[in-house]
Amino acid sequence: MDPVHSDGRPRPLYLESDDLATAMAHLARSQDETEVWFKKATLDTEGIDWSGPAPALPEQLFDWRV
């Protein structure tokens, strides 16, 4: 999937976790009503299919810890 829409708009998707790979795996297999809605919405609008293998994690650009 391209990181931008065909008209050039970015495709932002923000997920935050101390262990992003584990969080993504949990989300992929979750049957929680809200998480199922989120997966359907991101599939319908962005083409992100949570039923397949998780993609490689993107490069972390910034870390703010206090």
PDB file of N, CA and C in Angstrom:
ATOM      1  N   MET A   1       0.835  -1.167   0.000  1.00  0.00           N
ATOM      2  CA  MET A   1       0.000   0.000   0.000  1.00  0.00           C
ATOM      3  C   MET A   1       0.885   1.238   0.000  1.00  0.00           C
ATOM      4  N   ASP A   2       0.544   2.186  -0.816  1.00  0.00           N
ATOM      5  CA  ASP A   2       1.282   3.444  -0.868  1.00  0.00           C
ATOM      6  C   ASP A   2       1.020   4.261   0.391  1.00  0.00           C
ATOM      7  N   PRO A   3       2.021   5.027   0.859  1.00  0.00           N
ATOM      8  CA  PRO A   3       1.812   5.857   2.048  1.00  0.00           C
ATOM      9  C   PRO A   3       0.979   7.102   1.785  1.00  0.00           C
ATOM     10  N   VAL A   4       0.557   7.310   0.537  1.00  0.00           N
ATOM     11  CA  VAL A   4      -0.301   8.457   0.207  1.00  0.00           C
ATOM     12  C   VAL A   4      -1.453   7.990  -0.666  1.00  0.00           C
ATOM     13  N   HIS A   5      -2.574   8.715  -0.622  1.00  0.00           N
ATOM     14  CA  HIS A   5      -3.705   8.463  -1.514  1.00  0.00           C
ATOM     15  C   HIS A   5      -3.293   8.828  -2.936  1.00  0.00           C
ATOM     16  N   SER A   6      -4.065   8.392  -3.913  1.00  0.00           N
ATOM     17  CA  SER A   6      -3.743   8.695  -5.306  1.00  0.00           C
ATOM     18  C   SER A   6      -3.754  10.194  -5.581  1.00  0.00           C
ATOM     19  N   ASP A   7      -4.475  10.976  -4.769  1.00  0.00           N
ATOM     20  CA  ASP A   7      -4.492  12.426  -4.975  1.00  0.00           C
ATOM     21  C   ASP A   7      -3.403  13.138  -4.173  1.00  0.00           C
ATOM     22  N   GLY A   8      -2.506  12.379  -3.536  1.00  0.00           N
ATOM     23  CA  GLY A   8      -1.373  12.971  -2.838  1.00  0.00           C
ATOM     24  C   GLY A   8      -1.550  13.194  -1.346  1.00  0.00           C
ATOM     25  N   ARG A   9      -2.769  12.993  -0.829  1.00  0.00           N
ATOM     26  CA  ARG A   9      -2.974  13.157   0.615  1.00  0.00           C
ATOM     27  C   ARG A   9      -2.280  12.028   1.379  1.00  0.00           C
ATOM     28  N   PRO A  10      -1.651  12.336   2.518  1.00  0.00           N
ATOM     29  CA  PRO A  10      -1.002  11.272   3.298  1.00  0.00           C
ATOM     30  C   PRO A  10      -2.026  10.340   3.934  1.00  0.00           C
ATOM     31  N   ARG A  11      -1.590   9.155   4.255  1.00  0.00           N
ATOM     32  CA  ARG A  11      -2.425   8.160   4.922  1.00  0.00           C
ATOM     33  C   ARG A  11      -1.945   7.997   6.360  1.00  0.00           C
ATOM     34  N   PRO A  12      -2.301   8.904   7.241  1.00  0.00           N
ATOM     35  CA  PRO A  12      -1.825   8.759   8.615  1.00  0.00           C
ATOM     36  C   PRO A  12      -2.613   7.691   9.367  1.00  0.00           C
ATOM     37  N   LEU A  13      -1.919   6.899  10.108  1.00  0.00           N
ATOM     38  CA  LEU A  13      -2.527   5.926  11.011  1.00  0.00           C
ATOM     39  C   LEU A  13      -1.614   5.861  12.218  1.00  0.00           C
ATOM     40  N   TYR A  14      -2.130   6.206  13.370  1.00  0.00           N
ATOM     41  CA  TYR A  14      -1.316   6.306  14.569  1.00  0.00           C
ATOM     42  C   TYR A  14      -1.701   5.203  15.539  1.00  0.00           C
ATOM     43  N   LEU A  15      -0.733   4.373  15.877  1.00  0.00           N
ATOM     44  CA  LEU A  15      -0.894   3.366  16.910  1.00  0.00           C
ATOM     45  C   LEU A  15       0.253   3.552  17.885  1.00  0.00           C
ATOM     46  N   GLU A  16      -0.043   3.477  19.176  1.00  0.00           N
ATOM     47  CA  GLU A  16       1.005   3.654  20.174  1.00  0.00           C
ATOM     48  C   GLU A  16       0.993   2.469  21.130  1.00  0.00           C
ATOM     49  N   SER A  17       2.174   1.932  21.395  1.00  0.00           N
ATOM     50  CA  SER A  17       2.300   0.805  22.309  1.00  0.00           C
ATOM     51  C   SER A  17       3.760   0.667  22.707  1.00  0.00           C
ATOM     52  N   ASP A  18       3.998   0.142  23.899  1.00  0.00           N
ATOM     53  CA  ASP A  18       5.366  -0.171  24.296  1.00  0.00           C
ATOM     54  C   ASP A  18       5.920  -1.323  23.455  1.00  0.00           C
ATOM     55  N   ASP A  19       5.033  -2.161  22.931  1.00  0.00           N
ATOM     56  CA  ASP A  19       5.437  -3.290  22.081  1.00  0.00           C
ATOM     57  C   ASP A  19       4.481  -3.324  20.886  1.00  0.00           C
ATOM     58  N   LEU A  20       4.797  -2.555  19.857  1.00  0.00           N
ATOM     59  CA  LEU A  20       3.897  -2.379  18.725  1.00  0.00           C
ATOM     60  C   LEU A  20       3.626  -3.684  17.981  1.00  0.00           C
ATOM     61  N   ALA A  21       4.623  -4.527  17.827  1.00  0.00           N
ATOM     62  CA  ALA A  21       4.419  -5.793  17.113  1.00  0.00           C
ATOM     63  C   ALA A  21       3.385  -6.655  17.834  1.00  0.00           C
ATOM     64  N   THR A  22       3.472  -6.730  19.154  1.00  0.00           N
ATOM     65  CA  THR A  22       2.508  -7.513  19.934  1.00  0.00           C
ATOM     66  C   THR A  22       1.121  -6.882  19.860  1.00  0.00           C
ATOM     67  N   ALA A  23       1.058  -5.557  19.944  1.00  0.00           N
ATOM     68  CA  ALA A  23      -0.232  -4.866  19.855  1.00  0.00           C
ATOM     69  C   ALA A  23      -0.892  -5.103  18.500  1.00  0.00           C
ATOM     70  N   MET A  24      -0.109  -5.065  17.432  1.00  0.00           N
ATOM     71  CA  MET A  24      -0.668  -5.307  16.100  1.00  0.00           C
ATOM     72  C   MET A  24      -1.155  -6.749  15.962  1.00  0.00           C
ATOM     73  N   ALA A  25      -0.408  -7.697  16.520  1.00  0.00           N
ATOM     74  CA  ALA A  25      -0.826  -9.100  16.481  1.00  0.00           C
ATOM     75  C   ALA A  25      -2.132  -9.288  17.253  1.00  0.00           C
ATOM     76  N   HIS A  26      -2.241  -8.640  18.416  1.00  0.00           N
ATOM     77  CA  HIS A  26      -3.480  -8.711  19.200  1.00  0.00           C
ATOM     78  C   HIS A  26      -4.644  -8.135  18.399  1.00  0.00           C
ATOM     79  N   LEU A  27      -4.446  -6.974  17.809  1.00  0.00           N
ATOM     80  CA  LEU A  27      -5.499  -6.335  17.027  1.00  0.00           C
ATOM     81  C   LEU A  27      -5.926  -7.224  15.858  1.00  0.00           C
ATOM     82  N   ALA A  28      -4.975  -7.845  15.210  1.00  0.00           N
ATOM     83  CA  ALA A  28      -5.279  -8.679  14.048  1.00  0.00           C
ATOM     84  C   ALA A  28      -6.206  -9.842  14.406  1.00  0.00           C
ATOM     85  N   ARG A  29      -6.038 -10.423  15.583  1.00  0.00           N
ATOM     86  CA  ARG A  29      -6.864 -11.585  15.951  1.00  0.00           C
ATOM     87  C   ARG A  29      -8.058 -11.236  16.841  1.00  0.00           C
ATOM     88  N   SER A  30      -8.189  -9.994  17.242  1.00  0.00           N
ATOM     89  CA  SER A  30      -9.237  -9.578  18.170  1.00  0.00           C
ATOM     90  C   SER A  30     -10.629  -9.662  17.536  1.00  0.00           C
ATOM     91  N   GLN A  31     -11.587 -10.067  18.347  1.00  0.00           N
ATOM     92  CA  GLN A  31     -12.992 -10.074  17.938  1.00  0.00           C
ATOM     93  C   GLN A  31     -13.806  -9.061  18.750  1.00  0.00           C
ATOM     94  N   ASP A  32     -13.115  -8.206  19.500  1.00  0.00           N
ATOM     95  CA  ASP A  32     -13.767  -7.133  20.245  1.00  0.00           C
ATOM     96  C   ASP A  32     -14.537  -6.248  19.261  1.00  0.00           C
ATOM     97  N   GLU A  33     -15.746  -5.857  19.635  1.00  0.00           N
ATOM     98  CA  GLU A  33     -16.620  -5.102  18.727  1.00  0.00           C
ATOM     99  C   GLU A  33     -15.958  -3.831  18.185  1.00  0.00           C
ATOM    100  N   THR A  34     -15.316  -3.061  19.044  1.00  0.00           N
ATOM    101  CA  THR A  34     -14.677  -1.819  18.606  1.00  0.00           C
ATOM    102  C   THR A  34     -13.484  -2.109  17.703  1.00  0.00           C
ATOM    103  N   GLU A  35     -12.707  -3.108  18.039  1.00  0.00           N
ATOM    104  CA  GLU A  35     -11.535  -3.433  17.217  1.00  0.00           C
ATOM    105  C   GLU A  35     -11.940  -4.032  15.876  1.00  0.00           C
ATOM    106  N   VAL A  36     -13.020  -4.796  15.842  1.00  0.00           N
ATOM    107  CA  VAL A  36     -13.537  -5.309  14.567  1.00  0.00           C
ATOM    108  C   VAL A  36     -13.995  -4.137  13.695  1.00  0.00           C
ATOM    109  N   TRP A  37     -14.687  -3.163  14.304  1.00  0.00           N
ATOM    110  CA  TRP A  37     -15.100  -1.968  13.562  1.00  0.00           C
ATOM    111  C   TRP A  37     -13.880  -1.245  12.992  1.00  0.00           C
ATOM    112  N   PHE A  38     -12.840  -1.046  13.820  1.00  0.00           N
ATOM    113  CA  PHE A  38     -11.625  -0.360  13.387  1.00  0.00           C
ATOM    114  C   PHE A  38     -10.977  -1.090  12.207  1.00  0.00           C
ATOM    115  N   LYS A  39     -10.885  -2.410  12.301  1.00  0.00           N
ATOM    116  CA  LYS A  39     -10.265  -3.188  11.205  1.00  0.00           C
ATOM    117  C   LYS A  39     -11.069  -3.058   9.919  1.00  0.00           C
ATOM    118  N   LYS A  40     -12.410  -3.094  10.024  1.00  0.00           N
ATOM    119  CA  LYS A  40     -13.236  -2.939   8.829  1.00  0.00           C
ATOM    120  C   LYS A  40     -13.084  -1.537   8.256  1.00  0.00           C
ATOM    121  N   ALA A  41     -13.064  -0.522   9.128  1.00  0.00           N
ATOM    122  CA  ALA A  41     -12.927   0.855   8.656  1.00  0.00           C
ATOM    123  C   ALA A  41     -11.598   1.081   7.957  1.00  0.00           C
ATOM    124  N   THR A  42     -10.496   0.561   8.509  1.00  0.00           N
ATOM    125  CA  THR A  42      -9.199   0.752   7.860  1.00  0.00           C
ATOM    126  C   THR A  42      -9.082  -0.069   6.578  1.00  0.00           C
ATOM    127  N   LEU A  43      -9.774  -1.200   6.508  1.00  0.00           N
ATOM    128  CA  LEU A  43      -9.798  -1.961   5.258  1.00  0.00           C
ATOM    129  C   LEU A  43     -10.583  -1.200   4.194  1.00  0.00           C
ATOM    130  N   ASP A  44     -11.759  -0.705   4.571  1.00  0.00           N
ATOM    131  CA  ASP A  44     -12.622  -0.003   3.609  1.00  0.00           C
ATOM    132  C   ASP A  44     -12.017   1.314   3.122  1.00  0.00           C
ATOM    133  N   THR A  45     -11.370   2.054   4.016  1.00  0.00           N
ATOM    134  CA  THR A  45     -10.887   3.380   3.638  1.00  0.00           C
ATOM    135  C   THR A  45      -9.439   3.410   3.197  1.00  0.00           C
ATOM    136  N   GLU A  46      -8.619   2.542   3.758  1.00  0.00           N
ATOM    137  CA  GLU A  46      -7.179   2.595   3.488  1.00  0.00           C
ATOM    138  C   GLU A  46      -6.615   1.336   2.840  1.00  0.00           C
ATOM    139  N   GLY A  47      -7.414   0.280   2.791  1.00  0.00           N
ATOM    140  CA  GLY A  47      -6.945  -0.959   2.186  1.00  0.00           C
ATOM    141  C   GLY A  47      -6.041  -1.783   3.086  1.00  0.00           C
ATOM    142  N   ILE A  48      -6.054  -1.498   4.387  1.00  0.00           N
ATOM    143  CA  ILE A  48      -5.221  -2.258   5.324  1.00  0.00           C
ATOM    144  C   ILE A  48      -5.976  -3.513   5.718  1.00  0.00           C
ATOM    145  N   ASP A  49      -5.441  -4.664   5.359  1.00  0.00           N
ATOM    146  CA  ASP A  49      -6.071  -5.952   5.648  1.00  0.00           C
ATOM    147  C   ASP A  49      -5.403  -6.562   6.870  1.00  0.00           C
ATOM    148  N   TRP A  50      -6.106  -6.552   7.984  1.00  0.00           N
ATOM    149  CA  TRP A  50      -5.558  -7.047   9.244  1.00  0.00           C
ATOM    150  C   TRP A  50      -5.593  -8.567   9.324  1.00  0.00           C
ATOM    151  N   SER A  51      -6.188  -9.254   8.352  1.00  0.00           N
ATOM    152  CA  SER A  51      -6.300 -10.709   8.433  1.00  0.00           C
ATOM    153  C   SER A  51      -5.039 -11.422   7.942  1.00  0.00           C
ATOM    154  N   GLY A  52      -4.180 -10.717   7.242  1.00  0.00           N
ATOM    155  CA  GLY A  52      -2.949 -11.325   6.744  1.00  0.00           C
ATOM    156  C   GLY A  52      -1.795 -11.127   7.698  1.00  0.00           C
ATOM    157  N   PRO A  53      -0.613 -11.508   7.282  1.00  0.00           N
ATOM    158  CA  PRO A  53       0.554 -11.298   8.141  1.00  0.00           C
ATOM    159  C   PRO A  53       0.812  -9.810   8.343  1.00  0.00           C
ATOM    160  N   ALA A  54       1.314  -9.481   9.519  1.00  0.00           N
ATOM    161  CA  ALA A  54       1.595  -8.083   9.832  1.00  0.00           C
ATOM    162  C   ALA A  54       2.715  -7.569   8.933  1.00  0.00           C
ATOM    163  N   PRO A  55       2.590  -6.339   8.468  1.00  0.00           N
ATOM    164  CA  PRO A  55       3.664  -5.769   7.650  1.00  0.00           C
ATOM    165  C   PRO A  55       4.878  -5.455   8.523  1.00  0.00           C
ATOM    166  N   ALA A  56       5.971  -5.193   7.884  1.00  0.00           N
ATOM    167  CA  ALA A  56       7.159  -4.769   8.626  1.00  0.00           C
ATOM    168  C   ALA A  56       6.836  -3.469   9.346  1.00  0.00           C
ATOM    169  N   LEU A  57       7.367  -3.320  10.538  1.00  0.00           N
ATOM    170  CA  LEU A  57       7.126  -2.087  11.285  1.00  0.00           C
ATOM    171  C   LEU A  57       7.842  -0.935  10.604  1.00  0.00           C
ATOM    172  N   PRO A  58       7.193   0.229  10.552  1.00  0.00           N
ATOM    173  CA  PRO A  58       7.837   1.379   9.926  1.00  0.00           C
ATOM    174  C   PRO A  58       8.978   1.906  10.775  1.00  0.00           C
ATOM    175  N   GLU A  59       9.822   2.696  10.165  1.00  0.00           N
ATOM    176  CA  GLU A  59      10.926   3.316  10.884  1.00  0.00           C
ATOM    177  C   GLU A  59      10.377   4.285  11.923  1.00  0.00           C
ATOM    178  N   GLN A  60      10.900   4.197  13.139  1.00  0.00           N
ATOM    179  CA  GLN A  60      10.486   5.128  14.179  1.00  0.00           C
ATOM    180  C   GLN A  60      11.230   6.424  13.959  1.00  0.00           C
ATOM    181  N   LEU A  61      10.482   7.507  13.824  1.00  0.00           N
ATOM    182  CA  LEU A  61      11.086   8.801  13.535  1.00  0.00           C
ATOM    183  C   LEU A  61      11.306   9.652  14.776  1.00  0.00           C
ATOM    184  N   PHE A  62      10.541   9.389  15.832  1.00  0.00           N
ATOM    185  CA  PHE A  62      10.635  10.258  17.005  1.00  0.00           C
ATOM    186  C   PHE A  62      10.227   9.466  18.240  1.00  0.00           C
ATOM    187  N   ASP A  63      10.884   9.715  19.345  1.00  0.00           N
ATOM    188  CA  ASP A  63      10.550   9.081  20.628  1.00  0.00           C
ATOM    189  C   ASP A  63      10.615  10.137  21.706  1.00  0.00           C
ATOM    190  N   TRP A  64       9.505  10.362  22.366  1.00  0.00           N
ATOM    191  CA  TRP A  64       9.450  11.358  23.442  1.00  0.00           C
ATOM    192  C   TRP A  64       9.127  10.636  24.730  1.00  0.00           C
ATOM    193  N   ARG A  65      10.099  10.535  25.581  1.00  0.00           N
ATOM    194  CA  ARG A  65       9.872   9.909  26.888  1.00  0.00           C
ATOM    195  C   ARG A  65      10.316  10.863  27.968  1.00  0.00           C
ATOM    196  N   VAL A  66       9.523  10.946  29.001  1.00  0.00           N
ATOM    197  CA  VAL A  66       9.832  11.829  30.122  1.00  0.00           C
ATOM    198  C   VAL A  66      10.362  11.016  31.267  1.00  0.00           C
TER     199      VAL A  66
END
